[in-house]
Amino acid sequence: MFVTVARVGDIPPGTARQVTVGDRWVGLFNVNGEYHAVDNVCLHRGGPLCEGSVGGTIVTCPWHGWQFDPSTGKAVQVPDAGVQVYRLVIDGDSVFVDS
């Protein structure tokens, strides 16, 4: 089931926001105009990924600098590890994430 988490334009390119989907914290990222939704908890020490910087196609955790590709969830430092990616749909001006 998809839930509405934002409106297109609420999150400008190069920024992110934490949204709640069910009982999970999800980071909603706008990377070069494309939206991505991933677990908002860094694998390293649990930092809030959406509070980190978005540079190009990489999100950097604000706590210790771990980096992730929000389109795949893969960690740059440990390519075999990653955060969960959630299905996302844009319909009109609404952004929906699969719960």
Protein backbone atom coordinates (compact mmCIF):
# COMPACT_ATOMS: atom_id res chain seq x y z
CA MET A 1 0.00 0.00 0.00
CA PHE A 2 1.36 3.42 -0.95
CA VAL A 3 1.06 6.41 1.38
CA THR A 4 1.38 10.10 0.53
CA VAL A 5 4.58 11.54 2.03
CA ALA A 6 5.12 14.86 0.22
CA ARG A 7 4.23 17.05 -2.70
CA VAL A 8 6.50 17.48 -5.70
CA GLY A 9 8.42 20.68 -5.05
CA ASP A 10 8.38 20.32 -1.25
CA ILE A 11 11.90 18.93 -1.43
CA PRO A 12 14.12 20.91 -3.81
CA PRO A 13 16.88 19.13 -5.78
CA GLY A 14 19.88 18.34 -3.60
CA THR A 15 17.86 18.13 -0.37
CA ALA A 16 16.05 15.55 1.72
CA ARG A 17 13.41 15.14 4.39
CA GLN A 18 12.54 12.46 6.91
CA VAL A 19 9.05 11.02 6.49
CA THR A 20 7.23 8.37 8.47
CA VAL A 21 5.91 5.36 6.59
CA GLY A 22 4.10 3.00 8.94
CA ASP A 23 6.51 2.57 11.84
CA ARG A 24 9.66 3.36 9.81
CA TRP A 25 11.70 6.50 9.35
CA VAL A 26 12.33 6.94 5.66
CA GLY A 27 14.67 9.45 4.04
CA LEU A 28 13.06 11.05 1.00
CA PHE A 29 15.74 12.47 -1.31
CA ASN A 30 15.57 14.66 -4.39
CA VAL A 31 18.68 13.85 -6.40
CA ASN A 32 18.90 15.97 -9.53
CA GLY A 33 15.10 16.12 -9.76
CA GLU A 34 14.55 12.40 -9.12
CA TYR A 35 12.98 11.28 -5.86
CA HIS A 36 14.30 8.30 -3.89
CA ALA A 37 13.17 6.75 -0.60
CA VAL A 38 15.51 4.74 1.64
CA ASP A 39 15.83 3.78 5.31
CA ASN A 40 16.85 6.95 7.11
CA VAL A 41 19.26 5.19 9.48
CA CYS A 42 22.94 4.94 8.54
CA LEU A 43 24.40 1.44 8.81
CA HIS A 44 27.53 2.71 10.54
CA ARG A 45 26.20 4.31 13.73
CA GLY A 46 22.53 5.04 13.07
CA GLY A 47 22.90 8.62 11.89
CA PRO A 48 19.97 10.35 10.17
CA LEU A 49 20.82 10.16 6.47
CA CYS A 50 18.33 12.86 5.47
CA GLU A 51 20.26 15.39 7.55
CA GLY A 52 23.41 14.73 5.54
CA SER A 53 24.57 16.38 2.36
CA VAL A 54 23.42 15.38 -1.11
CA GLY A 55 26.17 15.74 -3.68
CA GLY A 56 25.64 14.48 -7.19
CA THR A 57 24.11 11.03 -6.71
CA ILE A 58 25.59 10.41 -3.24
CA VAL A 59 24.20 11.11 0.23
CA THR A 60 26.74 11.57 3.03
CA CYS A 61 25.74 10.76 6.61
CA PRO A 62 26.22 13.81 8.85
CA TRP A 63 27.64 11.82 11.76
CA HIS A 64 30.67 9.97 10.36
CA GLY A 65 30.69 10.52 6.61
CA TRP A 66 29.43 7.18 5.35
CA GLN A 67 28.09 7.56 1.84
CA PHE A 68 25.13 5.94 0.08
CA ASP A 69 23.57 5.98 -3.36
CA PRO A 70 19.88 6.61 -2.63
CA SER A 71 18.80 5.09 -5.95
CA THR A 72 20.23 1.68 -4.98
CA GLY A 73 20.74 2.00 -1.21
CA LYS A 74 24.32 0.71 -1.62
CA ALA A 75 27.02 1.98 0.72
CA VAL A 76 30.04 3.45 -1.05
CA GLN A 77 32.47 2.21 1.63
CA VAL A 78 31.01 -1.31 1.73
CA PRO A 79 29.39 -2.12 -1.64
CA ASP A 80 27.95 -5.41 -0.34
CA ALA A 81 25.97 -3.49 2.31
CA GLY A 82 23.23 -0.96 2.00
CA VAL A 83 20.04 0.54 3.33
CA GLN A 84 16.62 -0.61 2.19
CA VAL A 85 15.15 1.18 -0.82
CA TYR A 86 11.39 1.72 -0.91
CA ARG A 87 9.22 1.85 -4.02
CA LEU A 88 8.12 5.36 -4.81
CA VAL A 89 5.47 6.71 -7.16
CA ILE A 90 4.72 10.24 -8.27
CA ASP A 91 1.13 10.86 -9.31
CA GLY A 92 0.27 14.42 -10.25
CA ASP A 93 2.01 16.54 -7.64
CA SER A 94 1.96 13.90 -4.88
CA VAL A 95 4.85 11.64 -3.84
CA PHE A 96 3.85 8.20 -2.54
CA VAL A 97 6.07 5.63 -0.81
CA ASP A 98 5.23 1.93 -0.48
CA SER A 99 4.49 0.97 3.09
